Amino acid sequence: MPEDPQFLALWPTVLMRDRLPADDTINGALVDEIMRLDAERPDMTTGYLDDNLLASEHPALSWLRDCINHAVMRYIKHSEIDYKVDWHLQGWANINRFGDYHNLHNHPHCWLSGTYYVSVPESPVDLPGRADRTPGAISFFDPRAQANMTAIKADGQVDPEYRIQPRSGEILLWPAFVHHLVHPNLSEQYRISISFNVVLRWSEAYLPQQ
C-alpha cells in the first residue's frame, strides 16, 4: 500500500493576535502616562529609540511589560522551540493624530516585534472620495518577494498583503523582519499604541545544527 503524501508548511510566518485582560482603568492610566510623556517630548513618537518605555516602573506599564513577556512565551510555545530563550523588551509609544500614519518598514536587529493597542478610534471623519479606506489599520506584507506571481484562487499565496483593523486591548506579535505599515488615522480622536521589539540576549543554543 502506498503511504499518504507528506505535506510540509515550509518557511512559516507566524503572526499572533490576542486580547489582553485590560480594563478601562488600565488603558486610561496608559493614556494619561503617554500624554504626559508626549507633552515633555514632542518627538516622542518619531524618536522611538531615545528611551525604553517598557523599562518604566509605572504600574500600568509594569503590567503591560508582564503581559508582553507572557505573549512572547506563548509565541515560543506555539513555535515548538524547546530550549531556553532569553530576551529583553524595548518599547515606545505612538500617538497618531488626524492624518498621521507609519510608512512601510520593518524592525532590524531584533527577533520579534509587536504592538499593544491602548486606544483605537471608532468614528472616522466622513470624507469624500474613495470608499476603500481602512483608517488606522495595519498591513503586513509577504516577506517572500513575488511569491504570489504564480498563485491561483484559494492557493493561500495569492494575496501579498494581510490587513488587520485592531481594537483597543489587542496585542499583535510578529517576526521583526516582516514589512508592515499603518494606514492614516482619519478620526479626530487619537490612535494610541505601544510598540515593542523582542531583542535576544545571545546564546549558542540559538544556532541550528549544521
Protein backbone atom coordinates (compact mmCIF):
# COMPACT_ATOMS: atom_id res chain seq x y z
CA MET A 1 0.00 0.00 0.00
CA PRO A 2 1.41 3.42 -0.87
CA GLU A 3 1.91 5.81 2.01
CA ASP A 4 -0.10 9.02 2.25
CA PRO A 5 1.76 12.05 0.88
CA GLN A 6 3.55 14.29 3.33
CA PHE A 7 2.67 18.00 3.23
CA LEU A 8 5.19 20.40 4.75
CA ALA A 9 4.40 24.01 5.69
CA LEU A 10 7.79 25.48 4.86
CA TRP A 11 9.04 28.93 5.81
CA PRO A 12 6.11 29.84 8.01
CA THR A 13 5.49 33.45 9.03
CA VAL A 14 3.53 33.32 12.28
CA LEU A 15 1.52 36.33 13.44
CA MET A 16 -0.09 36.19 16.90
CA ARG A 17 -3.25 38.18 17.69
CA ASP A 18 -4.67 38.19 21.20
CA ARG A 19 -6.68 40.31 23.59
CA LEU A 20 -5.16 41.30 26.92
CA PRO A 21 -7.22 41.34 30.14
CA ALA A 22 -7.13 45.12 30.32
CA ASP A 23 -9.96 47.27 31.64
CA ASP A 24 -10.73 50.96 31.17
CA THR A 25 -8.74 51.81 34.30
CA ILE A 26 -5.50 50.27 32.96
CA ASN A 27 -5.86 51.70 29.46
CA GLY A 28 -6.84 55.07 30.94
CA ALA A 29 -3.67 55.07 33.05
CA LEU A 30 -1.61 54.22 29.97
CA VAL A 31 -3.21 57.07 28.02
CA ASP A 32 -2.51 59.53 30.85
CA GLU A 33 1.15 58.47 31.09
CA ILE A 34 1.69 58.56 27.33
CA MET A 35 0.11 62.01 27.03
CA ARG A 36 2.30 63.23 29.91
CA LEU A 37 5.42 61.97 28.14
CA ASP A 38 4.26 63.46 24.86
CA ALA A 39 3.89 66.88 26.50
CA GLU A 40 7.51 66.65 27.68
CA ARG A 41 8.86 65.28 24.38
CA PRO A 42 7.16 66.47 21.19
CA ASP A 43 9.29 63.98 19.20
CA MET A 44 8.26 61.02 21.36
CA THR A 45 6.67 59.02 18.52
CA THR A 46 9.42 59.68 15.95
CA GLY A 47 12.32 59.42 18.43
CA TYR A 48 11.32 55.93 19.47
CA LEU A 49 14.87 54.69 20.12
CA ASP A 50 15.74 57.52 22.50
CA ASP A 51 14.18 55.82 25.51
CA ASN A 52 12.70 52.49 26.56
CA LEU A 53 9.12 52.93 27.67
CA LEU A 54 8.94 49.35 28.95
CA ALA A 55 11.76 49.96 31.43
CA SER A 56 9.40 52.24 33.37
CA GLU A 57 8.10 51.18 36.79
CA HIS A 58 4.80 52.95 36.22
CA PRO A 59 2.17 50.41 37.43
CA ALA A 60 0.28 50.22 34.13
CA LEU A 61 3.49 49.89 32.12
CA SER A 62 4.78 47.21 34.51
CA TRP A 63 1.51 45.34 33.93
CA LEU A 64 1.92 45.66 30.17
CA ARG A 65 5.54 44.51 30.32
CA ASP A 66 4.46 41.34 32.12
CA CYS A 67 1.68 40.75 29.58
CA ILE A 68 4.09 41.14 26.66
CA ASN A 69 6.55 38.70 28.21
CA HIS A 70 3.73 36.17 28.62
CA ALA A 71 2.73 36.73 24.98
CA VAL A 72 6.30 36.01 23.89
CA MET A 73 6.24 32.77 25.90
CA ARG A 74 3.01 31.73 24.17
CA TYR A 75 4.58 32.51 20.78
CA ILE A 76 7.61 30.38 21.69
CA LYS A 77 5.38 27.50 22.79
CA HIS A 78 3.40 27.66 19.55
CA SER A 79 6.68 27.64 17.58
CA GLU A 80 7.70 24.44 19.44
CA ILE A 81 11.03 25.92 20.49
CA ASP A 82 12.20 23.50 23.17
CA TYR A 83 15.15 25.37 24.68
CA LYS A 84 15.57 28.46 26.82
CA VAL A 85 15.22 31.78 25.04
CA ASP A 86 16.45 34.91 26.81
CA TRP A 87 15.32 38.36 25.70
CA HIS A 88 14.68 41.92 26.76
CA LEU A 89 11.97 44.33 25.61
CA GLN A 90 12.45 47.72 24.04
CA GLY A 91 9.25 49.74 23.73
CA TRP A 92 7.90 53.12 22.70
CA ALA A 93 4.57 54.92 22.49
CA ASN A 94 2.81 56.07 19.33
CA ILE A 95 0.27 58.87 19.15
CA ASN A 96 -1.38 59.16 15.75
CA ARG A 97 -3.37 62.34 15.35
CA PHE A 98 -5.61 63.09 12.39
CA GLY A 99 -3.73 62.22 9.19
CA ASP A 100 -0.80 60.52 10.93
CA TYR A 101 0.46 57.21 9.58
CA HIS A 102 3.56 54.98 9.55
CA ASN A 103 5.42 54.25 6.33
CA LEU A 104 6.39 50.75 5.18
CA HIS A 105 9.16 49.43 7.42
CA ASN A 106 10.46 46.51 9.44
CA HIS A 107 12.48 46.31 12.67
CA PRO A 108 16.13 45.29 12.18
CA HIS A 109 18.36 43.73 14.84
CA CYS A 110 15.57 42.04 16.81
CA TRP A 111 13.69 38.76 16.77
CA LEU A 112 10.02 39.70 17.19
CA SER A 113 8.09 42.95 17.05
CA GLY A 114 4.64 43.80 18.30
CA THR A 115 2.09 46.40 19.26
CA TYR A 116 -0.43 46.81 22.06
CA TYR A 117 -3.42 48.99 21.16
CA VAL A 118 -4.32 51.31 24.02
CA SER A 119 -6.96 53.43 22.29
CA VAL A 120 -8.30 52.94 18.76
CA PRO A 121 -10.80 55.45 17.30
CA GLU A 122 -14.14 54.04 16.20
CA SER A 123 -15.55 57.05 14.37
CA PRO A 124 -13.55 58.25 11.33
CA VAL A 125 -14.39 61.58 9.76
CA ASP A 126 -16.79 61.23 6.80
CA LEU A 127 -14.55 62.28 3.92
CA PRO A 128 -15.44 62.48 0.21
CA GLY A 129 -13.65 60.33 -2.33
CA ARG A 130 -12.65 56.68 -2.34
CA ALA A 131 -14.63 54.21 -0.25
CA ASP A 132 -11.92 51.58 0.24
CA ARG A 133 -10.04 53.37 3.03
CA THR A 134 -9.28 51.43 6.22
CA PRO A 135 -8.25 54.20 8.63
CA GLY A 136 -5.84 53.13 11.36
CA ALA A 137 -5.48 49.57 10.06
CA ILE A 138 -2.10 47.83 9.98
CA SER A 139 -0.97 45.95 6.87
CA PHE A 140 1.58 43.12 6.79
CA PHE A 141 3.33 42.01 3.60
CA ASP A 142 4.54 38.61 2.45
CA PRO A 143 8.32 38.58 3.05
CA ARG A 144 8.89 36.28 0.07
CA ALA A 145 9.31 38.62 -2.88
CA GLN A 146 6.94 37.86 -5.77
CA ALA A 147 5.63 34.66 -4.09
CA ASN A 148 2.13 35.48 -5.36
CA MET A 149 3.09 35.74 -9.04
CA THR A 150 2.05 32.16 -9.91
CA ALA A 151 -0.69 31.76 -7.29
CA ILE A 152 -4.21 30.73 -8.21
CA LYS A 153 -7.53 31.27 -6.45
CA ALA A 154 -7.70 29.68 -2.95
CA ASP A 155 -3.96 28.90 -3.12
CA GLY A 156 -3.11 30.87 0.02
CA GLN A 157 -0.26 32.64 -1.76
CA VAL A 158 -2.43 34.90 -3.87
CA ASP A 159 -2.65 37.98 -1.62
CA PRO A 160 0.69 39.52 -0.62
CA GLU A 161 -0.97 41.77 1.99
CA TYR A 162 -2.74 40.88 5.23
CA ARG A 163 -4.66 43.76 6.83
CA ILE A 164 -5.89 43.97 10.41
CA GLN A 165 -8.23 46.56 11.91
CA PRO A 166 -7.08 46.41 15.54
CA ARG A 167 -9.24 47.09 18.56
CA SER A 168 -8.38 48.62 21.91
CA GLY A 169 -6.95 45.98 24.22
CA GLU A 170 -5.47 43.82 21.46
CA ILE A 171 -1.84 42.77 21.10
CA LEU A 172 -0.10 41.68 17.90
CA LEU A 173 3.22 39.85 17.71
CA TRP A 174 5.14 39.00 14.52
CA PRO A 175 8.67 38.28 13.19
CA ALA A 176 10.61 41.54 13.14
CA PHE A 177 11.68 41.08 9.51
CA VAL A 178 8.10 41.38 8.21
CA HIS A 179 7.40 44.67 6.46
CA HIS A 180 4.31 46.49 7.66
CA LEU A 181 2.65 49.91 7.57
CA VAL A 182 -0.09 51.75 9.44
CA HIS A 183 -2.86 53.44 7.48
CA PRO A 184 -3.69 57.10 8.25
CA ASN A 185 -5.80 57.94 11.25
CA LEU A 186 -8.87 59.69 9.83
CA SER A 187 -10.51 60.42 13.17
CA GLU A 188 -10.34 63.47 15.39
CA GLN A 189 -9.66 61.03 18.24
CA TYR A 190 -6.08 59.95 18.88
CA ARG A 191 -4.94 56.46 17.95
CA ILE A 192 -2.61 55.45 20.79
CA SER A 193 -0.49 52.32 20.84
CA ILE A 194 2.67 50.94 22.42
CA SER A 195 5.04 49.15 20.07
CA PHE A 196 7.94 46.98 21.14
CA ASN A 197 10.81 44.80 20.00
CA VAL A 198 11.83 41.47 21.47
CA VAL A 199 15.64 41.61 21.43
CA LEU A 200 17.50 38.37 22.09
CA ARG A 201 20.36 38.06 24.53
CA TRP A 202 22.80 35.88 22.65
CA SER A 203 23.13 32.18 23.36
CA GLU A 204 24.83 29.43 21.38
CA ALA A 205 21.60 27.43 21.89
CA TYR A 206 20.07 29.54 19.09
CA LEU A 207 22.44 28.10 16.48
CA PRO A 208 20.81 25.41 14.33
CA GLN A 209 22.61 22.11 13.90
CA GLN A 210 24.63 22.02 10.71
